[in-house]
Amino acid sequence: MVIYLLIVGFAVFFIYYLPILAKDSKKISDSTEEIKQSLNTLTKQNEEIIELLKRKI
């Protein structure tokens, strides 16, 4: 009986919770990609500002 309950518990976990965890993982992955793009943009802007400041000096 206990083994049956464990098997049912695992089945419920796989059916209901794994898709939720996968969606959360996808959201985190997308957020990380957005952060990388923002950092690249900031880096480019900083390089442009440095170049402009060098030209003024």
N, C-alpha and C. Protein backbone atom coordinates (compact mmCIF):
# COMPACT_ATOMS: atom_id res chain seq x y z
N MET A 1 0.82 -1.20 0.00
CA MET A 1 0.00 0.00 0.00
C MET A 1 0.86 1.26 0.00
N VAL A 2 1.92 1.25 0.80
CA VAL A 2 2.80 2.41 0.89
C VAL A 2 3.50 2.63 -0.45
N ILE A 3 3.93 1.57 -1.07
CA ILE A 3 4.60 1.68 -2.36
C ILE A 3 3.64 2.25 -3.40
N TYR A 4 2.40 1.83 -3.36
CA TYR A 4 1.39 2.35 -4.28
C TYR A 4 1.22 3.86 -4.09
N LEU A 5 1.17 4.31 -2.84
CA LEU A 5 1.03 5.75 -2.56
C LEU A 5 2.26 6.52 -3.06
N LEU A 6 3.44 5.95 -2.89
CA LEU A 6 4.65 6.60 -3.39
C LEU A 6 4.63 6.73 -4.91
N ILE A 7 4.21 5.68 -5.58
CA ILE A 7 4.14 5.71 -7.04
C ILE A 7 3.13 6.75 -7.50
N VAL A 8 1.98 6.80 -6.85
CA VAL A 8 0.96 7.80 -7.20
C VAL A 8 1.50 9.20 -6.93
N GLY A 9 2.21 9.37 -5.82
CA GLY A 9 2.80 10.67 -5.50
C GLY A 9 3.79 11.12 -6.55
N PHE A 10 4.66 10.22 -6.99
CA PHE A 10 5.61 10.56 -8.05
C PHE A 10 4.90 10.89 -9.36
N ALA A 11 3.85 10.15 -9.67
CA ALA A 11 3.10 10.42 -10.90
C ALA A 11 2.47 11.81 -10.86
N VAL A 12 1.89 12.16 -9.72
CA VAL A 12 1.29 13.49 -9.58
C VAL A 12 2.37 14.56 -9.72
N PHE A 13 3.52 14.32 -9.10
CA PHE A 13 4.62 15.28 -9.20
C PHE A 13 5.03 15.49 -10.65
N PHE A 14 5.23 14.41 -11.37
CA PHE A 14 5.67 14.52 -12.76
C PHE A 14 4.62 15.17 -13.65
N ILE A 15 3.36 14.86 -13.41
CA ILE A 15 2.30 15.40 -14.26
C ILE A 15 2.06 16.88 -14.00
N TYR A 16 2.05 17.28 -12.73
CA TYR A 16 1.64 18.64 -12.40
C TYR A 16 2.79 19.61 -12.16
N TYR A 17 3.85 19.17 -11.48
CA TYR A 17 4.86 20.12 -11.06
C TYR A 17 6.01 20.28 -12.04
N LEU A 18 6.37 19.26 -12.77
CA LEU A 18 7.48 19.41 -13.71
C LEU A 18 7.19 20.44 -14.81
N PRO A 19 6.00 20.49 -15.39
CA PRO A 19 5.74 21.55 -16.38
C PRO A 19 5.85 22.96 -15.78
N ILE A 20 5.43 23.11 -14.53
CA ILE A 20 5.55 24.42 -13.87
C ILE A 20 7.01 24.77 -13.68
N LEU A 21 7.81 23.81 -13.26
CA LEU A 21 9.24 24.07 -13.08
C LEU A 21 9.91 24.38 -14.41
N ALA A 22 9.49 23.73 -15.47
CA ALA A 22 10.06 23.99 -16.79
C ALA A 22 9.73 25.40 -17.25
N LYS A 23 8.50 25.86 -17.00
CA LYS A 23 8.12 27.22 -17.37
C LYS A 23 8.94 28.24 -16.60
N ASP A 24 9.15 28.01 -15.30
CA ASP A 24 9.96 28.91 -14.49
C ASP A 24 11.39 28.96 -15.01
N SER A 25 11.91 27.81 -15.39
CA SER A 25 13.26 27.75 -15.94
C SER A 25 13.36 28.56 -17.22
N LYS A 26 12.35 28.48 -18.07
CA LYS A 26 12.31 29.24 -19.33
C LYS A 26 12.28 30.74 -19.04
N LYS A 27 11.48 31.16 -18.05
CA LYS A 27 11.41 32.57 -17.69
C LYS A 27 12.76 33.08 -17.20
N ILE A 28 13.43 32.29 -16.39
CA ILE A 28 14.75 32.68 -15.89
C ILE A 28 15.73 32.78 -17.04
N SER A 29 15.67 31.84 -17.96
CA SER A 29 16.55 31.86 -19.12
C SER A 29 16.31 33.11 -19.96
N ASP A 30 15.04 33.45 -20.18
CA ASP A 30 14.71 34.65 -20.95
C ASP A 30 15.19 35.91 -20.24
N SER A 31 15.02 35.97 -18.93
CA SER A 31 15.47 37.13 -18.15
C SER A 31 16.98 37.28 -18.25
N THR A 32 17.69 36.16 -18.17
CA THR A 32 19.14 36.20 -18.28
C THR A 32 19.56 36.73 -19.64
N GLU A 33 18.89 36.33 -20.68
CA GLU A 33 19.21 36.80 -22.04
C GLU A 33 18.95 38.31 -22.15
N GLU A 34 17.86 38.79 -21.58
CA GLU A 34 17.56 40.22 -21.60
C GLU A 34 18.64 41.00 -20.85
N ILE A 35 19.09 40.48 -19.73
CA ILE A 35 20.14 41.14 -18.96
C ILE A 35 21.43 41.20 -19.77
N LYS A 36 21.77 40.12 -20.45
CA LYS A 36 22.98 40.12 -21.29
C LYS A 36 22.89 41.17 -22.38
N GLN A 37 21.73 41.28 -23.02
CA GLN A 37 21.55 42.27 -24.08
C GLN A 37 21.66 43.68 -23.53
N SER A 38 21.08 43.92 -22.36
CA SER A 38 21.16 45.23 -21.73
C SER A 38 22.60 45.58 -21.40
N LEU A 39 23.34 44.62 -20.88
CA LEU A 39 24.74 44.87 -20.55
C LEU A 39 25.56 45.16 -21.80
N ASN A 40 25.28 44.46 -22.89
CA ASN A 40 25.99 44.74 -24.14
C ASN A 40 25.69 46.14 -24.63
N THR A 41 24.44 46.57 -24.52
CA THR A 41 24.06 47.92 -24.93
C THR A 41 24.77 48.95 -24.07
N LEU A 42 24.79 48.74 -22.77
CA LEU A 42 25.47 49.67 -21.87
C LEU A 42 26.97 49.74 -22.17
N THR A 43 27.56 48.61 -22.46
CA THR A 43 28.99 48.58 -22.78
C THR A 43 29.27 49.39 -24.03
N LYS A 44 28.45 49.22 -25.06
CA LYS A 44 28.63 49.98 -26.30
C LYS A 44 28.46 51.47 -26.05
N GLN A 45 27.46 51.84 -25.26
CA GLN A 45 27.24 53.25 -24.96
C GLN A 45 28.42 53.83 -24.19
N ASN A 46 28.95 53.09 -23.24
CA ASN A 46 30.10 53.56 -22.48
C ASN A 46 31.32 53.73 -23.37
N GLU A 47 31.52 52.82 -24.30
CA GLU A 47 32.64 52.95 -25.22
C GLU A 47 32.49 54.19 -26.09
N GLU A 48 31.27 54.48 -26.53
CA GLU A 48 31.03 55.68 -27.33
C GLU A 48 31.29 56.94 -26.50
N ILE A 49 30.87 56.95 -25.25
CA ILE A 49 31.10 58.10 -24.38
C ILE A 49 32.60 58.30 -24.17
N ILE A 50 33.33 57.23 -23.96
CA ILE A 50 34.78 57.32 -23.77
C ILE A 50 35.43 57.90 -25.01
N GLU A 51 35.01 57.45 -26.18
CA GLU A 51 35.57 57.98 -27.43
C GLU A 51 35.28 59.47 -27.57
N LEU A 52 34.07 59.89 -27.26
CA LEU A 52 33.72 61.31 -27.34
C LEU A 52 34.54 62.13 -26.35
N LEU A 53 34.75 61.62 -25.17
CA LEU A 53 35.55 62.34 -24.18
C LEU A 53 37.01 62.43 -24.62
N LYS A 54 37.52 61.37 -25.23
CA LYS A 54 38.90 61.40 -25.73
C LYS A 54 39.05 62.45 -26.81
N ARG A 55 38.05 62.59 -27.67
CA ARG A 55 38.11 63.59 -28.74
C ARG A 55 38.09 65.00 -28.18
N LYS A 56 37.36 65.22 -27.09
CA LYS A 56 37.30 66.55 -26.49
C LYS A 56 38.62 66.94 -25.86
N ILE A 57 39.33 65.96 -25.32
CA ILE A 57 40.60 66.25 -24.65
C ILE A 57 41.65 66.37 -25.67
